[in-house]
Amino acid sequence: MRPLPAPAALAMVVLGGVAAAAQGAINAELGERAGNPVLGAVVNNLGGSLLVAIGLLAVPSMRAGLAEGHRVDPAEDDHGQRGGGRQRPHSRQ
């Protein structure tokens, strides 16, 4: 996969920040209308989870990533080493 150009990466970061701020405002509005801030947050987070689930179904690369996650060997650490990353001492001859 090729790297994202710097202007596109910057735009994505800015849009992510705007989306995070908007989510807070939406949570507050939903909480006010529902009369319960926790209910507003739950509804908002369920909506976000639904969007992620739709993305998993609709975007082939997301499905491939999900399938790849199931193929990870639990005996390997993050670096692909067996035994939780512990290295055995070298034998000296």
C-alpha atoms as a PDB file:
ATOM      1  CA  MET A   1       0.000   0.000   0.000  1.00  0.00           C
ATOM      2  CA  ARG A   2       1.386   3.382  -0.929  1.00  0.00           C
ATOM      3  CA  PRO A   3       1.551   6.193   1.666  1.00  0.00           C
ATOM      4  CA  LEU A   4      -1.085   8.884   1.768  1.00  0.00           C
ATOM      5  CA  PRO A   5       0.071  12.287   0.433  1.00  0.00           C
ATOM      6  CA  ALA A   6       0.678  14.845   3.177  1.00  0.00           C
ATOM      7  CA  PRO A   7      -2.197  17.198   2.189  1.00  0.00           C
ATOM      8  CA  ALA A   8      -4.677  14.296   2.175  1.00  0.00           C
ATOM      9  CA  ALA A   9      -3.382  13.064   5.540  1.00  0.00           C
ATOM     10  CA  LEU A  10      -3.700  16.567   7.005  1.00  0.00           C
ATOM     11  CA  ALA A  11      -7.251  16.870   5.671  1.00  0.00           C
ATOM     12  CA  MET A  12      -8.174  13.533   7.246  1.00  0.00           C
ATOM     13  CA  VAL A  13      -6.738  14.617  10.605  1.00  0.00           C
ATOM     14  CA  VAL A  14      -8.676  17.890  10.492  1.00  0.00           C
ATOM     15  CA  LEU A  15     -11.901  16.103   9.524  1.00  0.00           C
ATOM     16  CA  GLY A  16     -11.342  13.612  12.353  1.00  0.00           C
ATOM     17  CA  GLY A  17     -11.032  16.471  14.840  1.00  0.00           C
ATOM     18  CA  VAL A  18     -14.166  18.136  13.513  1.00  0.00           C
ATOM     19  CA  ALA A  19     -16.037  14.823  13.699  1.00  0.00           C
ATOM     20  CA  ALA A  20     -14.929  14.300  17.318  1.00  0.00           C
ATOM     21  CA  ALA A  21     -16.130  17.776  18.273  1.00  0.00           C
ATOM     22  CA  ALA A  22     -19.397  17.245  16.425  1.00  0.00           C
ATOM     23  CA  GLN A  23     -19.967  13.964  18.249  1.00  0.00           C
ATOM     24  CA  GLY A  24     -19.696  15.746  21.592  1.00  0.00           C
ATOM     25  CA  ALA A  25     -22.231  18.352  20.471  1.00  0.00           C
ATOM     26  CA  ILE A  26     -24.557  15.646  19.140  1.00  0.00           C
ATOM     27  CA  ASN A  27     -24.281  13.702  22.422  1.00  0.00           C
ATOM     28  CA  ALA A  28     -25.217  16.840  24.346  1.00  0.00           C
ATOM     29  CA  GLU A  29     -28.184  17.608  22.083  1.00  0.00           C
ATOM     30  CA  LEU A  30     -29.477  14.035  22.183  1.00  0.00           C
ATOM     31  CA  GLY A  31     -29.089  13.975  25.948  1.00  0.00           C
ATOM     32  CA  GLU A  32     -31.001  17.223  26.297  1.00  0.00           C
ATOM     33  CA  ARG A  33     -33.841  16.111  24.017  1.00  0.00           C
ATOM     34  CA  ALA A  34     -34.084  12.687  25.671  1.00  0.00           C
ATOM     35  CA  GLY A  35     -33.863  14.202  29.154  1.00  0.00           C
ATOM     36  CA  ASN A  36     -31.019  11.815  29.994  1.00  0.00           C
ATOM     37  CA  PRO A  37     -27.400  12.443  28.904  1.00  0.00           C
ATOM     38  CA  VAL A  38     -26.474   8.767  29.214  1.00  0.00           C
ATOM     39  CA  LEU A  39     -29.291   7.800  26.860  1.00  0.00           C
ATOM     40  CA  GLY A  40     -28.079  10.391  24.358  1.00  0.00           C
ATOM     41  CA  ALA A  41     -24.548   8.969  24.495  1.00  0.00           C
ATOM     42  CA  VAL A  42     -25.818   5.402  24.112  1.00  0.00           C
ATOM     43  CA  VAL A  43     -27.913   6.322  21.065  1.00  0.00           C
ATOM     44  CA  ASN A  44     -25.001   8.208  19.512  1.00  0.00           C
ATOM     45  CA  ASN A  45     -22.529   5.363  20.085  1.00  0.00           C
ATOM     46  CA  LEU A  46     -24.965   2.781  18.749  1.00  0.00           C
ATOM     47  CA  GLY A  47     -25.290   4.890  15.612  1.00  0.00           C
ATOM     48  CA  GLY A  48     -21.506   4.996  15.239  1.00  0.00           C
ATOM     49  CA  SER A  49     -21.261   1.258  15.777  1.00  0.00           C
ATOM     50  CA  LEU A  50     -23.913   0.742  13.113  1.00  0.00           C
ATOM     51  CA  LEU A  51     -21.899   2.843  10.659  1.00  0.00           C
ATOM     52  CA  VAL A  52     -18.773   0.770  11.346  1.00  0.00           C
ATOM     53  CA  ALA A  53     -20.766  -2.451  10.862  1.00  0.00           C
ATOM     54  CA  ILE A  54     -22.115  -1.144   7.541  1.00  0.00           C
ATOM     55  CA  GLY A  55     -18.559  -0.278   6.532  1.00  0.00           C
ATOM     56  CA  LEU A  56     -17.432  -3.804   7.377  1.00  0.00           C
ATOM     57  CA  LEU A  57     -20.129  -5.184   5.105  1.00  0.00           C
ATOM     58  CA  ALA A  58     -19.670  -2.690   2.271  1.00  0.00           C
ATOM     59  CA  VAL A  59     -15.907  -2.107   2.007  1.00  0.00           C
ATOM     60  CA  PRO A  60     -13.885  -5.100   0.782  1.00  0.00           C
ATOM     61  CA  SER A  61     -10.626  -3.966   2.425  1.00  0.00           C
ATOM     62  CA  MET A  62     -12.362  -3.728   5.820  1.00  0.00           C
ATOM     63  CA  ARG A  63     -13.728  -7.263   5.396  1.00  0.00           C
ATOM     64  CA  ALA A  64     -10.249  -8.497   4.462  1.00  0.00           C
ATOM     65  CA  GLY A  65      -8.761  -6.837   7.540  1.00  0.00           C
ATOM     66  CA  LEU A  66     -11.402  -8.386   9.754  1.00  0.00           C
ATOM     67  CA  ALA A  67     -10.717 -11.826   8.267  1.00  0.00           C
ATOM     68  CA  GLU A  68      -6.964 -11.333   8.727  1.00  0.00           C
ATOM     69  CA  GLY A  69      -7.504 -10.558  12.408  1.00  0.00           C
ATOM     70  CA  HIS A  70      -8.991 -13.996  12.906  1.00  0.00           C
ATOM     71  CA  ARG A  71      -5.893 -15.691  11.488  1.00  0.00           C
ATOM     72  CA  VAL A  72      -3.501 -14.379  14.142  1.00  0.00           C
ATOM     73  CA  ASP A  73      -1.732 -17.162  16.048  1.00  0.00           C
ATOM     74  CA  PRO A  74      -2.330 -16.480  19.774  1.00  0.00           C
ATOM     75  CA  ALA A  75       1.016 -18.102  20.615  1.00  0.00           C
ATOM     76  CA  GLU A  76       2.832 -15.335  18.735  1.00  0.00           C
ATOM     77  CA  ASP A  77       3.551 -11.893  20.098  1.00  0.00           C
ATOM     78  CA  ASP A  78       3.192  -8.632  18.146  1.00  0.00           C
ATOM     79  CA  HIS A  79       6.468  -9.283  16.312  1.00  0.00           C
ATOM     80  CA  GLY A  80       5.579 -12.767  15.060  1.00  0.00           C
ATOM     81  CA  GLN A  81       7.786 -14.529  17.585  1.00  0.00           C
ATOM     82  CA  ARG A  82       6.585 -17.683  19.279  1.00  0.00           C
ATOM     83  CA  GLY A  83       6.406 -17.956  23.050  1.00  0.00           C
ATOM     84  CA  GLY A  84       5.281 -14.456  23.869  1.00  0.00           C
ATOM     85  CA  GLY A  85       8.426 -12.857  22.525  1.00  0.00           C
ATOM     86  CA  ARG A  86      10.768 -14.511  25.019  1.00  0.00           C
ATOM     87  CA  GLN A  87      14.009 -15.465  23.390  1.00  0.00           C
ATOM     88  CA  ARG A  88      15.876 -18.570  24.411  1.00  0.00           C
ATOM     89  CA  PRO A  89      19.517 -18.183  25.331  1.00  0.00           C
ATOM     90  CA  HIS A  90      21.927 -19.128  22.558  1.00  0.00           C
ATOM     91  CA  SER A  91      23.816 -22.333  23.079  1.00  0.00           C
ATOM     92  CA  ARG A  92      27.553 -21.893  23.040  1.00  0.00           C
ATOM     93  CA  GLN A  93      29.822 -24.489  21.552  1.00  0.00           C
END
